[in-house]
């Protein structure tokens, strides 16, 4: 589902509040969980969770880059101990399992540190059988969201929904079939970059992510 509108956001909080207007069908439901992709997706997701009265968690995804060609993804790992493999890359290059396992082990350490940093001692939310809404501050190529969706499905949610303030039309078209629903506020052309559509696109810090997750957790208690 896509809706055009004013092609700029003041900041991520403004984007999140406006994005939530597309998601009113999910408001007040006890089966809905909102997941922010760190770091920039979390301030957007916080506003969505507030508006929907839904719990908020972070969903950390780490790409498994080929050593020496890190931009080439062999797969990804994500929250919940999920690992996905890009079979086209692995099979075409005949990459050994030992190489993938080595990179996955290194990235898993980073992922666990980030989860602990963001959540503190709170356990991750149970996603099995629920509607999970993945939120980011925008999509460019869609690679991170694609990896997140693939990893999330392994955790058994009933539905996987993605919601972002802005993305290129071609990325929306490519990703739409990979999830149960996709919500995008604006698809400007030419797209240029996600940050082009924000007045304030300053970097979200780890402290901000941690504070937003804690605030939402306190509200849900």
N, C-alpha and C. Protein backbone atom coordinates (compact mmCIF):
# COMPACT_ATOMS: atom_id res chain seq x y z
N UNK A 1 0.85 -1.19 0.00
CA UNK A 1 0.00 0.00 0.00
C UNK A 1 0.88 1.23 0.00
N UNK A 2 0.60 2.17 -0.86
CA UNK A 2 1.45 3.35 -1.01
C UNK A 2 0.57 4.58 -1.07
N UNK A 3 1.02 5.64 -0.46
CA UNK A 3 0.28 6.89 -0.53
C UNK A 3 1.26 8.02 -0.75
N UNK A 4 0.97 8.89 -1.69
CA UNK A 4 1.85 10.04 -1.90
C UNK A 4 1.48 11.13 -0.93
N UNK A 5 2.39 12.08 -0.72
CA UNK A 5 2.13 13.17 0.21
C UNK A 5 3.24 14.19 0.15
N UNK A 6 3.26 15.07 1.12
CA UNK A 6 4.30 16.09 1.18
C UNK A 6 5.67 15.43 1.22
N UNK A 7 6.56 15.70 0.26
CA UNK A 7 7.79 14.91 0.12
C UNK A 7 8.94 15.34 1.03
N UNK A 8 8.63 15.71 2.27
CA UNK A 8 9.70 15.95 3.23
C UNK A 8 9.19 15.68 4.63
N UNK A 9 10.13 15.29 5.52
CA UNK A 9 9.80 15.09 6.92
C UNK A 9 10.70 15.99 7.75
N UNK A 10 10.16 16.49 8.86
CA UNK A 10 11.00 17.34 9.73
C UNK A 10 12.15 16.52 10.32
N UNK A 11 11.81 15.36 10.82
CA UNK A 11 12.79 14.46 11.42
C UNK A 11 12.18 13.07 11.48
N UNK A 12 12.87 12.13 12.11
CA UNK A 12 12.36 10.76 12.15
C UNK A 12 11.08 10.64 12.98
N UNK A 13 10.95 11.44 14.03
CA UNK A 13 9.73 11.39 14.84
C UNK A 13 8.53 11.85 14.02
N UNK A 14 8.69 12.91 13.27
CA UNK A 14 7.62 13.40 12.39
C UNK A 14 7.26 12.33 11.37
N UNK A 15 8.28 11.70 10.79
CA UNK A 15 8.03 10.64 9.81
C UNK A 15 7.25 9.49 10.43
N UNK A 16 7.61 9.12 11.65
CA UNK A 16 6.93 8.02 12.33
C UNK A 16 5.48 8.33 12.61
N UNK A 17 5.19 9.55 13.04
CA UNK A 17 3.80 9.92 13.31
C UNK A 17 2.97 9.90 12.04
N UNK A 18 3.54 10.37 10.96
CA UNK A 18 2.81 10.37 9.69
C UNK A 18 2.67 8.95 9.13
N UNK A 19 3.70 8.15 9.32
CA UNK A 19 3.62 6.76 8.86
C UNK A 19 2.54 5.99 9.59
N UNK A 20 2.40 6.28 10.88
CA UNK A 20 1.40 5.57 11.69
C UNK A 20 -0.02 5.78 11.16
N UNK A 21 -0.25 6.88 10.44
CA UNK A 21 -1.58 7.14 9.89
C UNK A 21 -1.97 6.11 8.83
N UNK A 22 -0.96 5.47 8.22
CA UNK A 22 -1.25 4.42 7.24
C UNK A 22 -1.56 3.08 7.90
N UNK A 23 -1.30 2.98 9.20
CA UNK A 23 -1.32 1.68 9.88
C UNK A 23 -2.45 1.56 10.89
N UNK A 24 -3.47 2.39 10.76
CA UNK A 24 -4.52 2.42 11.78
C UNK A 24 -5.27 1.09 11.91
N UNK A 25 -5.27 0.27 10.86
CA UNK A 25 -5.94 -1.04 10.96
C UNK A 25 -5.26 -1.95 11.99
N UNK A 26 -4.02 -1.63 12.35
CA UNK A 26 -3.28 -2.45 13.31
C UNK A 26 -3.33 -1.89 14.73
N UNK A 27 -4.04 -0.79 14.92
CA UNK A 27 -4.06 -0.12 16.23
C UNK A 27 -4.86 -0.92 17.25
N UNK A 28 -4.34 -0.97 18.49
CA UNK A 28 -5.08 -1.57 19.59
C UNK A 28 -5.22 -3.07 19.55
N UNK A 29 -4.46 -3.74 18.69
CA UNK A 29 -4.55 -5.20 18.58
C UNK A 29 -3.47 -5.86 19.44
N UNK A 30 -3.85 -6.92 20.15
CA UNK A 30 -2.88 -7.55 21.05
C UNK A 30 -1.95 -8.51 20.33
N UNK A 31 -2.13 -8.69 19.01
CA UNK A 31 -1.24 -9.58 18.27
C UNK A 31 -0.17 -8.81 17.50
N UNK A 32 -0.10 -7.50 17.65
CA UNK A 32 0.82 -6.68 16.85
C UNK A 32 2.06 -6.31 17.66
N UNK A 33 3.21 -6.45 17.02
CA UNK A 33 4.50 -6.02 17.58
C UNK A 33 5.19 -5.12 16.56
N UNK A 34 5.76 -4.03 17.01
CA UNK A 34 6.51 -3.13 16.13
C UNK A 34 7.99 -3.35 16.37
N UNK A 35 8.74 -3.53 15.29
CA UNK A 35 10.18 -3.78 15.37
C UNK A 35 10.93 -2.70 14.60
N UNK A 36 11.83 -2.01 15.28
CA UNK A 36 12.64 -0.98 14.63
C UNK A 36 13.98 -1.53 14.21
N UNK A 37 14.40 -1.20 12.98
CA UNK A 37 15.74 -1.57 12.53
C UNK A 37 16.72 -0.49 12.97
N UNK A 38 17.69 -0.86 13.79
CA UNK A 38 18.61 0.16 14.32
C UNK A 38 19.61 0.60 13.26
N UNK A 39 20.11 1.84 13.47
CA UNK A 39 19.64 2.67 14.54
C UNK A 39 18.53 3.63 14.10
N UNK A 40 18.59 4.09 12.87
CA UNK A 40 17.67 5.13 12.42
C UNK A 40 16.22 4.74 12.37
N UNK A 41 15.92 3.45 12.28
CA UNK A 41 14.53 3.03 12.23
C UNK A 41 13.82 3.06 13.57
N UNK A 42 14.59 3.11 14.66
CA UNK A 42 13.97 3.02 15.99
C UNK A 42 13.16 4.27 16.35
N UNK A 43 13.66 5.50 16.10
CA UNK A 43 12.81 6.67 16.39
C UNK A 43 11.52 6.68 15.59
N UNK A 44 11.57 6.19 14.36
CA UNK A 44 10.35 6.08 13.55
C UNK A 44 9.42 5.04 14.16
N UNK A 45 9.99 3.88 14.49
CA UNK A 45 9.20 2.79 15.06
C UNK A 45 8.58 3.16 16.40
N UNK A 46 9.29 3.96 17.18
CA UNK A 46 8.76 4.39 18.48
C UNK A 46 7.44 5.13 18.29
N UNK A 47 7.40 6.06 17.34
CA UNK A 47 6.17 6.82 17.11
C UNK A 47 5.06 5.91 16.57
N UNK A 48 5.41 4.96 15.73
CA UNK A 48 4.42 4.01 15.22
C UNK A 48 3.85 3.18 16.38
N UNK A 49 4.74 2.67 17.23
CA UNK A 49 4.28 1.86 18.37
C UNK A 49 3.39 2.67 19.31
N UNK A 50 3.76 3.93 19.53
CA UNK A 50 2.94 4.79 20.39
C UNK A 50 1.54 4.93 19.81
N UNK A 51 1.46 5.22 18.52
CA UNK A 51 0.17 5.45 17.89
C UNK A 51 -0.68 4.19 17.84
N UNK A 52 -0.05 3.04 17.64
CA UNK A 52 -0.79 1.78 17.54
C UNK A 52 -1.04 1.14 18.90
N UNK A 53 -0.42 1.71 19.95
CA UNK A 53 -0.50 1.13 21.30
C UNK A 53 0.02 -0.29 21.29
N UNK A 54 1.17 -0.45 20.65
CA UNK A 54 1.77 -1.78 20.48
C UNK A 54 3.14 -1.82 21.15
N UNK A 55 3.59 -3.00 21.57
CA UNK A 55 4.94 -3.11 22.13
C UNK A 55 5.98 -2.88 21.05
N UNK A 56 7.14 -2.39 21.50
CA UNK A 56 8.25 -2.06 20.60
C UNK A 56 9.47 -2.87 20.97
N UNK A 57 10.15 -3.38 19.96
CA UNK A 57 11.43 -4.06 20.16
C UNK A 57 12.35 -3.66 19.03
N UNK A 58 13.59 -4.04 19.16
CA UNK A 58 14.59 -3.80 18.13
C UNK A 58 14.84 -5.11 17.40
N UNK A 59 15.09 -5.02 16.09
CA UNK A 59 15.41 -6.22 15.31
C UNK A 59 16.74 -5.93 14.62
N UNK A 60 17.79 -6.56 15.14
CA UNK A 60 19.14 -6.29 14.65
C UNK A 60 19.49 -7.27 13.53
N UNK A 61 19.97 -6.76 12.43
CA UNK A 61 20.38 -7.58 11.29
C UNK A 61 21.83 -7.24 10.95
N UNK A 62 22.63 -8.28 10.76
CA UNK A 62 24.03 -8.09 10.35
C UNK A 62 24.28 -8.85 9.06
N UNK A 63 24.75 -8.14 8.06
CA UNK A 63 25.08 -8.76 6.78
C UNK A 63 26.33 -9.62 6.93
N UNK A 64 26.35 -10.76 6.26
CA UNK A 64 27.54 -11.61 6.21
C UNK A 64 28.28 -11.30 4.92
N UNK A 65 29.21 -10.35 5.00
CA UNK A 65 29.94 -9.92 3.82
C UNK A 65 31.08 -10.87 3.48
N UNK A 66 31.31 -11.06 2.20
CA UNK A 66 32.41 -11.89 1.74
C UNK A 66 33.73 -11.20 2.10
N UNK A 67 34.63 -11.85 2.82
CA UNK A 67 35.90 -11.22 3.19
C UNK A 67 36.63 -10.68 1.95
N UNK A 68 37.02 -9.40 2.04
CA UNK A 68 37.67 -8.74 0.92
C UNK A 68 36.69 -8.09 -0.03
N UNK A 69 35.43 -8.52 0.01
CA UNK A 69 34.36 -7.93 -0.79
C UNK A 69 33.12 -7.81 0.08
N UNK A 70 33.27 -7.03 1.17
CA UNK A 70 32.23 -7.01 2.19
C UNK A 70 30.87 -6.54 1.68
N UNK A 71 30.86 -5.80 0.57
CA UNK A 71 29.58 -5.35 0.04
C UNK A 71 28.78 -6.49 -0.58
N UNK A 72 29.44 -7.61 -0.84
CA UNK A 72 28.78 -8.79 -1.40
C UNK A 72 28.29 -9.67 -0.27
N UNK A 73 26.97 -9.79 -0.14
CA UNK A 73 26.39 -10.50 1.00
C UNK A 73 26.27 -11.99 0.74
N UNK A 74 26.93 -12.78 1.59
CA UNK A 74 26.75 -14.24 1.55
C UNK A 74 25.45 -14.64 2.24
N UNK A 75 24.93 -13.75 3.06
CA UNK A 75 23.72 -14.01 3.81
C UNK A 75 23.60 -12.96 4.91
N UNK A 76 22.86 -13.30 5.95
CA UNK A 76 22.67 -12.37 7.06
C UNK A 76 22.32 -13.15 8.31
N UNK A 77 22.58 -12.53 9.45
CA UNK A 77 22.10 -13.06 10.72
C UNK A 77 21.26 -11.97 11.38
N UNK A 78 20.37 -12.39 12.28
CA UNK A 78 19.45 -11.42 12.86
C UNK A 78 19.09 -11.84 14.28
N UNK A 79 18.39 -10.95 14.96
CA UNK A 79 17.90 -11.21 16.30
C UNK A 79 17.19 -12.55 16.35
N UNK A 80 17.38 -13.26 17.45
CA UNK A 80 16.76 -14.57 17.62
C UNK A 80 17.62 -15.71 17.14
N UNK A 81 18.88 -15.43 16.77
CA UNK A 81 19.79 -16.48 16.34
C UNK A 81 19.52 -16.99 14.95
N UNK A 82 18.82 -16.20 14.15
CA UNK A 82 18.47 -16.62 12.79
C UNK A 82 19.61 -16.35 11.82
N UNK A 83 19.87 -17.30 10.94
CA UNK A 83 20.87 -17.11 9.88
C UNK A 83 20.23 -17.44 8.53
N UNK A 84 20.34 -16.55 7.58
CA UNK A 84 19.86 -16.80 6.22
C UNK A 84 21.05 -16.77 5.28
N UNK A 85 20.97 -17.56 4.23
CA UNK A 85 22.06 -17.68 3.26
C UNK A 85 21.58 -17.23 1.89
N UNK A 86 22.42 -16.44 1.23
CA UNK A 86 22.16 -16.04 -0.15
C UNK A 86 22.69 -17.14 -1.06
N UNK A 87 21.80 -18.09 -1.40
CA UNK A 87 22.24 -19.27 -2.13
C UNK A 87 22.84 -18.94 -3.49
N UNK A 88 22.34 -17.91 -4.15
CA UNK A 88 22.89 -17.55 -5.46
C UNK A 88 24.37 -17.21 -5.35
N UNK A 89 24.73 -16.41 -4.35
CA UNK A 89 26.13 -16.02 -4.16
C UNK A 89 26.97 -17.20 -3.71
N UNK A 90 26.47 -17.93 -2.71
CA UNK A 90 27.23 -19.05 -2.15
C UNK A 90 27.49 -20.13 -3.19
N UNK A 91 26.46 -20.48 -3.95
CA UNK A 91 26.61 -21.54 -4.94
C UNK A 91 27.45 -21.09 -6.14
N UNK A 92 27.23 -19.87 -6.60
CA UNK A 92 27.99 -19.38 -7.76
C UNK A 92 29.48 -19.30 -7.48
N UNK A 93 29.82 -18.88 -6.25
CA UNK A 93 31.23 -18.74 -5.88
C UNK A 93 31.79 -19.97 -5.19
N UNK A 94 30.94 -20.98 -4.98
CA UNK A 94 31.34 -22.22 -4.32
C UNK A 94 32.03 -21.93 -2.97
N UNK A 95 31.37 -21.13 -2.19
CA UNK A 95 31.93 -20.73 -0.90
C UNK A 95 31.78 -21.86 0.11
N UNK A 96 32.84 -22.19 0.82
CA UNK A 96 32.77 -23.28 1.80
C UNK A 96 31.99 -22.88 3.04
N UNK A 97 31.35 -23.85 3.65
CA UNK A 97 30.58 -23.60 4.87
C UNK A 97 31.46 -23.05 5.97
N UNK A 98 32.72 -23.48 6.01
CA UNK A 98 33.64 -23.00 7.05
C UNK A 98 33.82 -21.48 6.97
N UNK A 99 33.87 -20.94 5.76
CA UNK A 99 34.02 -19.50 5.59
C UNK A 99 32.78 -18.77 6.08
N UNK A 100 31.62 -19.27 5.69
CA UNK A 100 30.37 -18.64 6.12
C UNK A 100 30.24 -18.69 7.64
N UNK A 101 30.57 -19.85 8.22
CA UNK A 101 30.47 -20.01 9.67
C UNK A 101 31.40 -19.06 10.41
N UNK A 102 32.60 -18.85 9.88
CA UNK A 102 33.57 -17.97 10.50
C UNK A 102 33.07 -16.53 10.53
N UNK A 103 32.55 -16.06 9.39
CA UNK A 103 32.03 -14.71 9.31
C UNK A 103 30.79 -14.57 10.19
N UNK A 104 29.93 -15.59 10.17
CA UNK A 104 28.71 -15.56 10.99
C UNK A 104 29.04 -15.49 12.48
N UNK A 105 30.05 -16.21 12.91
CA UNK A 105 30.45 -16.19 14.32
C UNK A 105 30.92 -14.80 14.73
N UNK A 106 31.72 -14.18 13.86
CA UNK A 106 32.21 -12.83 14.18
C UNK A 106 31.07 -11.82 14.24
N UNK A 107 30.17 -11.89 13.26
CA UNK A 107 29.05 -10.94 13.23
C UNK A 107 28.06 -11.21 14.36
N UNK A 108 27.93 -12.48 14.77
CA UNK A 108 27.02 -12.81 15.87
C UNK A 108 27.47 -12.16 17.17
N UNK A 109 28.77 -12.06 17.37
CA UNK A 109 29.29 -11.39 18.56
C UNK A 109 28.90 -9.92 18.57
N UNK A 110 29.01 -9.28 17.39
CA UNK A 110 28.62 -7.87 17.28
C UNK A 110 27.12 -7.72 17.52
N UNK A 111 26.34 -8.62 16.94
CA UNK A 111 24.89 -8.57 17.09
C UNK A 111 24.47 -8.70 18.55
N UNK A 112 25.06 -9.66 19.25
CA UNK A 112 24.71 -9.86 20.66
C UNK A 112 25.09 -8.67 21.52
N UNK A 113 26.24 -8.05 21.21
CA UNK A 113 26.63 -6.86 21.96
C UNK A 113 25.65 -5.72 21.73
N UNK A 114 25.20 -5.57 20.49
CA UNK A 114 24.26 -4.50 20.18
C UNK A 114 22.90 -4.75 20.84
N UNK A 115 22.45 -5.99 20.81
CA UNK A 115 21.17 -6.30 21.46
C UNK A 115 21.25 -6.02 22.95
N UNK A 116 22.33 -6.42 23.59
CA UNK A 116 22.49 -6.17 25.02
C UNK A 116 22.55 -4.67 25.31
N UNK A 117 23.23 -3.95 24.44
CA UNK A 117 23.33 -2.50 24.60
C UNK A 117 21.96 -1.85 24.50
N UNK A 118 21.17 -2.28 23.55
CA UNK A 118 19.88 -1.64 23.30
C UNK A 118 18.82 -2.07 24.31
N UNK A 119 18.74 -3.37 24.61
CA UNK A 119 17.66 -3.89 25.45
C UNK A 119 17.99 -3.87 26.94
N UNK A 120 19.25 -3.89 27.28
CA UNK A 120 19.61 -4.08 28.68
C UNK A 120 19.26 -5.49 29.10
N UNK A 121 18.56 -5.64 30.21
CA UNK A 121 18.23 -6.98 30.70
C UNK A 121 16.82 -7.41 30.29
N UNK A 122 16.17 -6.65 29.42
CA UNK A 122 14.83 -7.05 28.96
C UNK A 122 14.95 -8.16 27.92
N UNK A 123 14.12 -9.18 28.01
CA UNK A 123 14.16 -10.26 26.99
C UNK A 123 13.54 -9.78 25.70
N UNK A 124 13.89 -10.40 24.58
CA UNK A 124 13.24 -10.05 23.31
C UNK A 124 11.77 -10.44 23.35
N UNK A 125 10.96 -9.74 22.57
CA UNK A 125 9.54 -10.07 22.50
C UNK A 125 9.34 -11.38 21.73
N UNK A 126 8.34 -12.13 22.13
CA UNK A 126 7.97 -13.36 21.43
C UNK A 126 7.21 -12.98 20.17
N UNK A 127 7.70 -13.41 19.02
CA UNK A 127 7.08 -13.02 17.75
C UNK A 127 6.23 -14.13 17.14
N UNK A 128 6.29 -15.33 17.68
CA UNK A 128 5.57 -16.47 17.10
C UNK A 128 4.06 -16.21 17.06
N UNK A 129 3.47 -16.36 15.87
CA UNK A 129 2.04 -16.22 15.72
C UNK A 129 1.52 -14.81 15.75
N UNK A 130 2.40 -13.81 15.76
CA UNK A 130 1.98 -12.43 15.87
C UNK A 130 2.18 -11.71 14.53
N UNK A 131 1.64 -10.52 14.44
CA UNK A 131 1.87 -9.65 13.28
C UNK A 131 3.03 -8.74 13.61
N UNK A 132 4.12 -8.90 12.89
CA UNK A 132 5.33 -8.12 13.13
C UNK A 132 5.43 -7.02 12.09
N UNK A 133 5.52 -5.77 12.55
CA UNK A 133 5.65 -4.62 11.66
C UNK A 133 7.09 -4.12 11.73
N UNK A 134 7.85 -4.34 10.68
CA UNK A 134 9.23 -3.90 10.59
C UNK A 134 9.27 -2.46 10.11
N UNK A 135 10.00 -1.62 10.83
CA UNK A 135 10.03 -0.19 10.51
C UNK A 135 11.47 0.28 10.35
N UNK A 136 11.72 1.05 9.28
CA UNK A 136 13.01 1.70 9.10
C UNK A 136 12.74 3.14 8.71
N UNK A 137 13.80 3.96 8.66
CA UNK A 137 13.61 5.38 8.33
C UNK A 137 13.55 5.61 6.82
N UNK A 138 13.72 4.56 6.04
CA UNK A 138 13.62 4.65 4.60
C UNK A 138 14.35 3.49 3.96
N UNK A 139 14.09 3.28 2.70
CA UNK A 139 14.77 2.23 1.94
C UNK A 139 15.48 2.87 0.75
N UNK A 140 16.64 2.35 0.44
CA UNK A 140 17.32 2.74 -0.80
C UNK A 140 17.32 1.52 -1.72
N UNK A 141 18.27 0.61 -1.53
CA UNK A 141 18.26 -0.64 -2.31
C UNK A 141 17.30 -1.66 -1.72
N UNK A 142 16.99 -1.53 -0.43
CA UNK A 142 16.12 -2.49 0.24
C UNK A 142 16.83 -3.71 0.76
N UNK A 143 18.17 -3.75 0.68
CA UNK A 143 18.92 -4.95 1.07
C UNK A 143 18.74 -5.27 2.55
N UNK A 144 18.80 -4.26 3.42
CA UNK A 144 18.66 -4.51 4.85
C UNK A 144 17.26 -5.01 5.19
N UNK A 145 16.26 -4.41 4.58
CA UNK A 145 14.89 -4.83 4.84
C UNK A 145 14.65 -6.24 4.31
N UNK A 146 15.20 -6.54 3.15
CA UNK A 146 15.04 -7.89 2.58
C UNK A 146 15.63 -8.94 3.52
N UNK A 147 16.82 -8.66 4.05
CA UNK A 147 17.46 -9.59 4.99
C UNK A 147 16.64 -9.71 6.27
N UNK A 148 16.11 -8.58 6.74
CA UNK A 148 15.31 -8.60 7.96
C UNK A 148 14.05 -9.43 7.79
N UNK A 149 13.38 -9.28 6.66
CA UNK A 149 12.15 -10.03 6.41
C UNK A 149 12.44 -11.53 6.35
N UNK A 150 13.50 -11.90 5.64
CA UNK A 150 13.85 -13.32 5.54
C UNK A 150 14.17 -13.91 6.90
N UNK A 151 14.91 -13.17 7.71
CA UNK A 151 15.27 -13.65 9.05
C UNK A 151 14.05 -13.70 9.96
N UNK A 152 13.22 -12.69 9.86
CA UNK A 152 12.05 -12.62 10.73
C UNK A 152 11.10 -13.78 10.49
N UNK A 153 10.94 -14.20 9.27
CA UNK A 153 10.02 -15.29 8.96
C UNK A 153 10.43 -16.58 9.68
N UNK A 154 11.72 -16.74 9.91
CA UNK A 154 12.20 -17.94 10.60
C UNK A 154 11.75 -17.99 12.06
N UNK A 155 11.28 -16.87 12.61
CA UNK A 155 10.84 -16.81 14.00
C UNK A 155 9.34 -17.06 14.13
N UNK A 156 8.67 -17.33 13.01
CA UNK A 156 7.30 -17.80 13.06
C UNK A 156 6.19 -16.79 13.26
N UNK A 157 6.35 -15.53 12.83
CA UNK A 157 5.21 -14.62 12.95
C UNK A 157 4.09 -15.02 12.00
N UNK A 158 2.86 -14.63 12.35
CA UNK A 158 1.73 -14.93 11.47
C UNK A 158 1.78 -14.07 10.21
N UNK A 159 2.19 -12.81 10.37
CA UNK A 159 2.30 -11.89 9.23
C UNK A 159 3.54 -11.02 9.40
N UNK A 160 4.18 -10.72 8.28
CA UNK A 160 5.32 -9.80 8.26
C UNK A 160 4.92 -8.59 7.43
N UNK A 161 4.93 -7.44 8.07
CA UNK A 161 4.56 -6.17 7.44
C UNK A 161 5.75 -5.23 7.54
N UNK A 162 6.04 -4.51 6.48
CA UNK A 162 7.10 -3.50 6.51
C UNK A 162 6.48 -2.13 6.33
N UNK A 163 7.06 -1.15 7.03
CA UNK A 163 6.54 0.23 6.92
C UNK A 163 7.72 1.20 6.97
N UNK A 164 7.79 2.07 5.97
CA UNK A 164 8.88 3.06 5.90
C UNK A 164 8.31 4.38 5.39
N UNK A 165 8.91 5.49 5.79
CA UNK A 165 8.42 6.78 5.30
C UNK A 165 8.67 7.00 3.81
N UNK A 166 9.83 6.54 3.31
CA UNK A 166 10.16 6.84 1.92
C UNK A 166 11.02 5.75 1.30
N UNK A 167 10.88 5.58 0.00
CA UNK A 167 11.64 4.57 -0.75
C UNK A 167 11.48 4.86 -2.24
N UNK A 168 12.43 4.41 -3.06
CA UNK A 168 12.26 4.54 -4.51
C UNK A 168 11.17 3.60 -5.01
N UNK A 169 10.49 4.00 -6.05
CA UNK A 169 9.40 3.19 -6.58
C UNK A 169 9.88 1.80 -7.00
N UNK A 170 11.07 1.74 -7.59
CA UNK A 170 11.54 0.43 -8.07
C UNK A 170 11.83 -0.51 -6.91
N UNK A 171 12.32 0.02 -5.79
CA UNK A 171 12.57 -0.82 -4.61
C UNK A 171 11.26 -1.33 -4.04
N UNK A 172 10.26 -0.46 -3.97
CA UNK A 172 8.94 -0.87 -3.48
C UNK A 172 8.39 -2.01 -4.34
N UNK A 173 8.52 -1.88 -5.65
CA UNK A 173 8.01 -2.91 -6.56
C UNK A 173 8.74 -4.23 -6.36
N UNK A 174 10.05 -4.17 -6.13
CA UNK A 174 10.84 -5.39 -5.95
C UNK A 174 10.52 -6.09 -4.63
N UNK A 175 10.26 -5.33 -3.58
CA UNK A 175 10.10 -5.91 -2.25
C UNK A 175 8.66 -6.32 -1.92
N UNK A 176 7.71 -5.76 -2.62
CA UNK A 176 6.31 -5.95 -2.24
C UNK A 176 5.92 -7.42 -2.13
N UNK A 177 6.45 -8.25 -3.01
CA UNK A 177 6.07 -9.66 -3.02
C UNK A 177 6.72 -10.47 -1.90
N UNK A 178 7.70 -9.89 -1.20
CA UNK A 178 8.44 -10.65 -0.20
C UNK A 178 7.85 -10.55 1.20
N UNK A 179 6.80 -9.76 1.35
CA UNK A 179 6.19 -9.59 2.67
C UNK A 179 4.67 -9.57 2.50
N UNK A 180 3.97 -9.65 3.61
CA UNK A 180 2.52 -9.71 3.55
C UNK A 180 1.90 -8.36 3.23
N UNK A 181 2.56 -7.29 3.62
CA UNK A 181 2.11 -5.95 3.25
C UNK A 181 3.29 -4.99 3.38
N UNK A 182 3.27 -3.93 2.59
CA UNK A 182 4.33 -2.94 2.59
C UNK A 182 3.69 -1.56 2.51
N UNK A 183 4.00 -0.73 3.51
CA UNK A 183 3.45 0.62 3.58
C UNK A 183 4.56 1.65 3.37
N UNK A 184 4.36 2.57 2.45
CA UNK A 184 5.35 3.62 2.15
C UNK A 184 4.59 4.93 1.99
N UNK A 185 5.06 5.96 2.68
CA UNK A 185 4.38 7.25 2.58
C UNK A 185 4.65 7.95 1.26
N UNK A 186 5.92 8.08 0.90
CA UNK A 186 6.24 8.80 -0.33
C UNK A 186 7.28 8.03 -1.14
N UNK A 187 7.14 8.07 -2.45
CA UNK A 187 8.08 7.43 -3.36
C UNK A 187 8.55 8.47 -4.38
N UNK A 188 9.33 9.46 -3.94
CA UNK A 188 9.73 10.55 -4.84
C UNK A 188 10.65 10.08 -5.96
N UNK A 189 10.61 10.81 -7.04
CA UNK A 189 11.50 10.52 -8.18
C UNK A 189 11.98 11.85 -8.77
N UNK A 190 13.31 12.02 -8.91
CA UNK A 190 14.36 11.05 -8.57
C UNK A 190 14.51 10.92 -7.06
N UNK A 191 14.90 9.74 -6.60
CA UNK A 191 14.95 9.46 -5.17
C UNK A 191 16.21 10.02 -4.52
N UNK A 192 17.36 9.80 -5.11
CA UNK A 192 18.67 10.29 -4.65
C UNK A 192 19.16 9.56 -3.40
N UNK A 193 18.53 9.79 -2.25
CA UNK A 193 18.95 9.15 -1.00
C UNK A 193 17.87 9.34 0.04
N UNK A 194 17.85 8.45 1.05
CA UNK A 194 16.84 8.56 2.12
C UNK A 194 16.92 9.91 2.80
N UNK A 195 18.12 10.35 3.15
CA UNK A 195 18.30 11.59 3.90
C UNK A 195 17.83 12.83 3.16
N UNK A 196 17.70 12.73 1.85
CA UNK A 196 17.26 13.87 1.04
C UNK A 196 15.85 14.31 1.43
N UNK A 197 15.07 13.42 2.02
CA UNK A 197 13.66 13.71 2.29
C UNK A 197 13.39 14.05 3.75
N UNK A 198 14.46 14.34 4.48
CA UNK A 198 14.37 14.78 5.88
C UNK A 198 15.05 16.13 6.04
N UNK A 199 14.44 17.03 6.80
CA UNK A 199 15.11 18.27 7.16
C UNK A 199 16.24 17.98 8.15
N UNK A 200 15.97 17.08 9.09
CA UNK A 200 16.97 16.67 10.08
C UNK A 200 17.16 15.16 9.96
N UNK A 201 18.30 14.77 9.41
CA UNK A 201 18.63 13.35 9.26
C UNK A 201 19.92 13.04 10.01
N UNK A 202 20.11 13.71 11.14
CA UNK A 202 21.31 13.48 11.94
C UNK A 202 21.32 12.05 12.47
N UNK A 203 22.50 11.53 12.70
CA UNK A 203 22.65 10.13 13.08
C UNK A 203 21.98 9.84 14.42
N UNK A 204 21.24 8.76 14.48
CA UNK A 204 20.66 8.28 15.73
C UNK A 204 21.75 7.58 16.53
N UNK A 205 21.86 7.90 17.81
CA UNK A 205 22.91 7.31 18.63
C UNK A 205 22.42 6.05 19.34
N UNK A 206 23.37 5.26 19.82
CA UNK A 206 23.02 4.07 20.61
C UNK A 206 22.24 4.47 21.86
N UNK A 207 22.61 5.58 22.48
CA UNK A 207 21.91 6.04 23.68
C UNK A 207 20.46 6.38 23.38
N UNK A 208 20.22 6.99 22.23
CA UNK A 208 18.85 7.33 21.85
C UNK A 208 18.02 6.07 21.63
N UNK A 209 18.61 5.09 20.97
CA UNK A 209 17.90 3.82 20.75
C UNK A 209 17.55 3.18 22.08
N UNK A 210 18.52 3.11 22.97
CA UNK A 210 18.29 2.49 24.27
C UNK A 210 17.20 3.23 25.05
N UNK A 211 17.22 4.56 25.01
CA UNK A 211 16.24 5.35 25.76
C UNK A 211 14.83 5.17 25.21
N UNK A 212 14.69 5.13 23.90
CA UNK A 212 13.37 4.96 23.30
C UNK A 212 12.79 3.58 23.61
N UNK A 213 13.61 2.55 23.52
CA UNK A 213 13.13 1.20 23.85
C UNK A 213 12.72 1.10 25.31
N UNK A 214 13.50 1.71 26.18
CA UNK A 214 13.19 1.68 27.61
C UNK A 214 11.90 2.44 27.90
N UNK A 215 11.73 3.59 27.25
CA UNK A 215 10.52 4.38 27.48
C UNK A 215 9.27 3.63 27.05
N UNK A 216 9.33 2.99 25.89
CA UNK A 216 8.17 2.24 25.41
C UNK A 216 7.91 1.03 26.29
N UNK A 217 8.96 0.36 26.76
CA UNK A 217 8.80 -0.79 27.64
C UNK A 217 8.12 -0.37 28.95
N UNK A 218 8.49 0.79 29.49
CA UNK A 218 7.89 1.29 30.72
C UNK A 218 6.41 1.58 30.52
N UNK A 219 6.06 2.11 29.34
CA UNK A 219 4.66 2.43 29.07
C UNK A 219 3.82 1.16 28.95
N UNK A 220 4.43 0.07 28.50
CA UNK A 220 3.70 -1.19 28.33
C UNK A 220 3.53 -1.96 29.63
N UNK A 221 4.34 -1.63 30.63
CA UNK A 221 4.27 -2.35 31.91
C UNK A 221 2.98 -2.02 32.67
